[in-house]
Amino acid sequence: MSLKTRLAEDMKAAMKAREAGKQKLSVLRMIKAAVMNKEIAKGRELSEEEMIEVLTHELKMRRDSIPEYEKTNRAETVESLKQEIAVIMEYLPQQMTEDEVIDLVRKVVSEVGAQTPRDMGKVMGKVIPSTKGRADGKLVSDIVKKMLNGEI
């Protein structure tokens, strides 16, 4: 089943669930709107990979917002964002563990011969395409920095 079809089916199920599926329905509508906006911008239907990019972008926006709301003591909003993140994660591919990312980065570092933090661009250029949609970019960046600084 394609991601778009799955989203549509889950949206129908959330509508039927009424109160129980209210939060999920809201998030699914937001995802659908984001996908439609991207399709309009591109002038065509999105591929599965492009849909994953849209979901990853929406996920990143929510993750980045959480610290700001925590600073202003808005616990209710933080909890809502965490619930939205959980719904979005259902539609993303299985996430890589930190150990898997470390192994991948270690392999790429040896491939490109990176030794100093100046080589971060070379390493990130090879790692990011392999982790797209499967690992948080910030996590990958942090691991690459630590590895090039000799901390891992």
Protein backbone atom coordinates (compact mmCIF):
# COMPACT_ATOMS: atom_id res chain seq x y z
CA MET A 1 0.00 0.00 0.00
CA SER A 2 1.40 3.38 -0.94
CA LEU A 3 2.01 5.98 1.72
CA LYS A 4 -0.63 8.26 0.21
CA THR A 5 -3.24 5.49 0.24
CA ARG A 6 -2.33 4.57 3.81
CA LEU A 7 -2.75 8.18 4.91
CA ALA A 8 -6.17 8.36 3.27
CA GLU A 9 -7.32 5.08 4.86
CA ASP A 10 -6.08 6.14 8.30
CA MET A 11 -7.82 9.49 7.89
CA LYS A 12 -11.12 7.73 7.23
CA ALA A 13 -10.61 5.51 10.27
CA ALA A 14 -9.80 8.53 12.47
CA MET A 15 -12.95 10.31 11.25
CA LYS A 16 -15.04 7.28 12.17
CA ALA A 17 -13.40 7.11 15.61
CA ARG A 18 -14.59 10.69 16.32
CA GLU A 19 -13.34 11.76 19.77
CA ALA A 20 -10.81 8.95 20.12
CA GLY A 21 -9.14 9.83 16.83
CA LYS A 22 -9.40 13.62 17.05
CA GLN A 23 -5.68 14.29 17.62
CA LYS A 24 -4.64 11.79 14.96
CA LEU A 25 -7.15 13.19 12.47
CA SER A 26 -5.78 16.67 13.01
CA VAL A 27 -2.21 15.51 12.36
CA LEU A 28 -3.24 13.48 9.30
CA ARG A 29 -5.02 16.51 7.84
CA MET A 30 -1.88 18.59 8.42
CA ILE A 31 0.23 15.94 6.65
CA LYS A 32 -2.22 15.78 3.75
CA ALA A 33 -2.15 19.58 3.43
CA ALA A 34 1.66 19.63 3.47
CA VAL A 35 1.79 16.93 0.79
CA MET A 36 -0.79 18.75 -1.36
CA ASN A 37 1.12 22.03 -1.05
CA LYS A 38 4.31 20.31 -2.17
CA GLU A 39 2.48 18.66 -5.08
CA ILE A 40 1.07 22.02 -6.17
CA ALA A 41 4.54 23.57 -5.96
CA LYS A 42 6.03 20.77 -8.07
CA GLY A 43 3.06 20.52 -10.42
CA ARG A 44 2.86 16.75 -10.11
CA GLU A 45 2.22 13.92 -7.65
CA LEU A 46 4.99 13.24 -5.17
CA SER A 47 6.97 10.02 -5.15
CA GLU A 48 7.19 7.95 -1.97
CA GLU A 49 10.66 9.39 -1.29
CA GLU A 50 9.39 12.96 -1.67
CA MET A 51 6.48 12.22 0.68
CA ILE A 52 8.96 10.92 3.25
CA GLU A 53 10.89 14.19 2.87
CA VAL A 54 7.68 16.14 3.61
CA LEU A 55 7.01 13.98 6.68
CA THR A 56 10.60 14.40 7.84
CA HIS A 57 10.29 18.17 7.47
CA GLU A 58 7.06 18.22 9.50
CA LEU A 59 8.69 16.05 12.16
CA LYS A 60 11.72 18.32 12.37
CA MET A 61 9.54 21.41 12.76
CA ARG A 62 7.81 19.85 15.76
CA ARG A 63 11.01 18.60 17.35
CA ASP A 64 12.59 22.02 16.98
CA SER A 65 9.54 23.71 18.57
CA ILE A 66 9.55 21.63 21.75
CA PRO A 67 12.50 23.39 23.48
CA GLU A 68 10.93 26.80 22.85
CA TYR A 69 7.65 25.75 24.45
CA GLU A 70 9.49 24.11 27.35
CA LYS A 71 11.30 27.40 28.05
CA THR A 72 7.96 29.21 28.33
CA ASN A 73 6.47 26.48 30.56
CA ARG A 74 3.81 25.44 28.05
CA ALA A 75 3.62 21.78 29.07
CA GLU A 76 0.25 21.25 27.37
CA THR A 77 1.63 22.38 24.01
CA VAL A 78 4.78 20.27 24.47
CA GLU A 79 2.63 17.20 25.16
CA SER A 80 0.52 17.94 22.08
CA LEU A 81 3.68 18.24 19.93
CA LYS A 82 4.97 14.93 21.28
CA GLN A 83 1.68 13.26 20.32
CA GLU A 84 1.93 14.78 16.82
CA ILE A 85 5.50 13.47 16.53
CA ALA A 86 4.30 9.98 17.47
CA VAL A 87 1.66 10.06 14.73
CA ILE A 88 4.13 11.29 12.10
CA MET A 89 6.65 8.60 13.11
CA GLU A 90 4.07 5.92 12.22
CA TYR A 91 4.42 6.90 8.56
CA LEU A 92 8.20 7.13 8.39
CA PRO A 93 10.47 4.16 7.67
CA GLN A 94 11.95 2.27 10.62
CA GLN A 95 14.38 4.65 12.33
CA MET A 96 18.05 3.74 12.64
CA THR A 97 19.43 3.22 16.12
CA GLU A 98 22.29 5.35 17.38
CA ASP A 99 24.63 2.35 17.07
CA GLU A 100 23.64 1.83 13.43
CA VAL A 101 24.34 5.51 12.70
CA ILE A 102 27.73 5.27 14.45
CA ASP A 103 28.64 2.20 12.38
CA LEU A 104 27.61 3.95 9.16
CA VAL A 105 29.54 7.11 10.04
CA ARG A 106 32.62 5.06 10.99
CA LYS A 107 32.48 3.29 7.60
CA VAL A 108 32.11 6.58 5.68
CA VAL A 109 34.91 8.26 7.66
CA SER A 110 37.29 5.47 6.65
CA GLU A 111 36.05 5.55 3.01
CA VAL A 112 36.67 9.28 2.55
CA GLY A 113 39.76 9.34 4.76
CA ALA A 114 38.35 12.02 7.05
CA GLN A 115 40.53 12.88 10.03
CA THR A 116 39.68 16.36 11.26
CA PRO A 117 36.49 18.37 11.86
CA ARG A 118 37.23 20.19 8.58
CA ASP A 119 36.28 16.98 6.77
CA MET A 120 32.75 17.07 8.18
CA GLY A 121 31.24 18.21 4.86
CA LYS A 122 32.72 15.23 3.01
CA VAL A 123 31.39 12.80 5.59
CA MET A 124 27.94 14.39 5.87
CA GLY A 125 27.65 14.44 2.07
CA LYS A 126 27.97 10.66 2.01
CA VAL A 127 26.04 9.85 5.21
CA ILE A 128 22.91 11.98 4.76
CA PRO A 129 21.65 10.24 1.58
CA SER A 130 21.95 6.88 3.39
CA THR A 131 20.01 8.07 6.43
CA LYS A 132 17.37 10.21 4.74
CA GLY A 133 14.06 9.68 6.53
CA ARG A 134 15.60 7.00 8.73
CA ALA A 135 17.64 9.08 11.18
CA ASP A 136 17.42 12.56 12.65
CA GLY A 137 19.86 14.92 10.90
CA LYS A 138 20.88 16.46 14.21
CA LEU A 139 21.79 13.05 15.63
CA VAL A 140 23.85 12.26 12.52
CA SER A 141 25.59 15.63 12.68
CA ASP A 142 26.41 15.20 16.38
CA ILE A 143 27.84 11.72 15.81
CA VAL A 144 29.98 12.91 12.88
CA LYS A 145 31.32 15.83 14.98
CA LYS A 146 32.15 13.55 17.91
CA MET A 147 33.83 11.02 15.67
CA LEU A 148 35.95 13.60 13.88
CA ASN A 149 36.92 15.13 17.23
CA GLY A 150 37.99 11.71 18.50
CA GLU A 151 35.26 11.47 21.13
CA ILE A 152 33.83 8.24 19.70
